[in-house]
Amino acid sequence: MLHIVEAAATQRVEKPQIEHFAFRAHGLDSFMERLDGLGIKYNLRAMQDLGLIQVNLHDPDGNRVHVDFPLAEHTSEVPPVEVNLR
């Protein structure tokens, strides 16, 4: 379980504090629709050897996040791309 709390104001750091964190999920199409609706930029990366499709994005503090979905959930005609969000 991840607990996320919105704060009215926080102190910002100059650099992200962690390299990245990841989650495993289901519902790729709904997730991408939600990101699109919020105007959040993301990239997809196919991890064929692991049977995963990664959705790569940054959180509001600039930390890299990837959310991993089963590769079979990728039904878009747009192929995943190799990305580097560092």
Protein backbone atom coordinates (compact mmCIF):
# COMPACT_ATOMS: atom_id res chain seq x y z
CA MET A 1 0.00 0.00 0.00
CA LEU A 2 1.20 3.47 -0.85
CA HIS A 3 -0.10 6.43 1.09
CA ILE A 4 -0.06 9.69 -0.86
CA VAL A 5 -0.98 12.97 0.82
CA GLU A 6 -1.41 16.28 -0.97
CA ALA A 7 0.18 19.20 0.83
CA ALA A 8 -0.65 22.87 0.29
CA ALA A 9 3.04 23.81 0.46
CA THR A 10 6.28 21.91 0.81
CA GLN A 11 9.97 22.68 0.61
CA ARG A 12 11.34 21.66 -2.77
CA VAL A 13 14.73 20.07 -3.21
CA GLU A 14 16.98 20.83 -6.15
CA LYS A 15 17.42 17.20 -7.16
CA PRO A 16 15.19 14.16 -6.84
CA GLN A 17 15.92 12.25 -3.65
CA ILE A 18 15.66 8.76 -5.15
CA GLU A 19 16.66 7.37 -8.55
CA HIS A 20 13.27 5.79 -9.16
CA PHE A 21 10.52 3.65 -7.74
CA ALA A 22 8.16 1.18 -9.39
CA PHE A 23 4.75 -0.37 -9.04
CA ARG A 24 3.08 -3.41 -10.58
CA ALA A 25 -0.46 -2.83 -11.83
CA HIS A 26 -3.28 -3.91 -14.13
CA GLY A 27 -5.49 -1.73 -16.32
CA LEU A 28 -2.97 -0.16 -18.70
CA ASP A 29 -5.53 1.52 -20.98
CA SER A 30 -7.37 3.15 -18.08
CA PHE A 31 -4.08 4.27 -16.55
CA MET A 32 -2.89 5.92 -19.78
CA GLU A 33 -6.29 7.58 -20.26
CA ARG A 34 -6.03 9.00 -16.74
CA LEU A 35 -2.51 10.33 -17.38
CA ASP A 36 -3.63 11.84 -20.70
CA GLY A 37 -6.61 13.49 -19.01
CA LEU A 38 -4.33 15.04 -16.41
CA GLY A 39 -1.79 16.17 -19.01
CA ILE A 40 0.97 14.03 -17.50
CA LYS A 41 3.74 13.13 -19.96
CA TYR A 42 4.86 9.51 -20.08
CA ASN A 43 6.63 6.98 -22.28
CA LEU A 44 6.14 3.26 -22.76
CA ARG A 45 8.90 0.69 -22.74
CA ALA A 46 8.41 -2.97 -23.60
CA MET A 47 10.36 -5.35 -21.39
CA GLN A 48 9.96 -8.44 -23.56
CA ASP A 49 12.20 -10.64 -21.43
CA LEU A 50 10.11 -9.86 -18.32
CA GLY A 51 6.72 -9.85 -20.09
CA LEU A 52 6.09 -6.28 -18.97
CA ILE A 53 5.20 -2.93 -20.43
CA GLN A 54 6.51 -0.02 -18.37
CA VAL A 55 4.83 3.35 -18.16
CA ASN A 56 7.63 5.79 -17.32
CA LEU A 57 6.87 9.20 -15.84
CA HIS A 58 8.04 11.71 -13.25
CA ASP A 59 6.27 12.61 -10.03
CA PRO A 60 5.81 16.30 -9.11
CA ASP A 61 9.17 16.32 -7.29
CA GLY A 62 11.00 15.02 -10.38
CA ASN A 63 11.47 11.45 -9.15
CA ARG A 64 11.31 8.84 -11.89
CA VAL A 65 8.47 6.36 -11.54
CA HIS A 66 7.59 3.34 -13.62
CA VAL A 67 4.39 1.39 -13.42
CA ASP A 68 4.67 -2.14 -14.79
CA PHE A 69 1.75 -3.83 -16.56
CA PRO A 70 1.52 -7.27 -18.19
CA LEU A 71 2.80 -6.95 -21.75
CA ALA A 72 -0.43 -8.55 -23.04
CA GLU A 73 -2.34 -5.43 -21.90
CA HIS A 74 -0.60 -3.29 -24.53
CA THR A 75 -3.17 -3.15 -27.33
CA SER A 76 -2.36 0.28 -28.78
CA GLU A 77 -1.19 0.54 -32.37
CA VAL A 78 1.56 2.85 -31.13
CA PRO A 79 4.60 0.68 -30.34
CA PRO A 80 6.46 1.12 -27.06
CA VAL A 81 9.71 3.01 -27.36
CA GLU A 82 13.04 2.71 -25.64
CA VAL A 83 13.25 5.62 -23.24
CA ASN A 84 15.68 7.24 -20.88
CA LEU A 85 14.02 9.71 -18.51
CA ARG A 86 17.06 10.49 -16.40
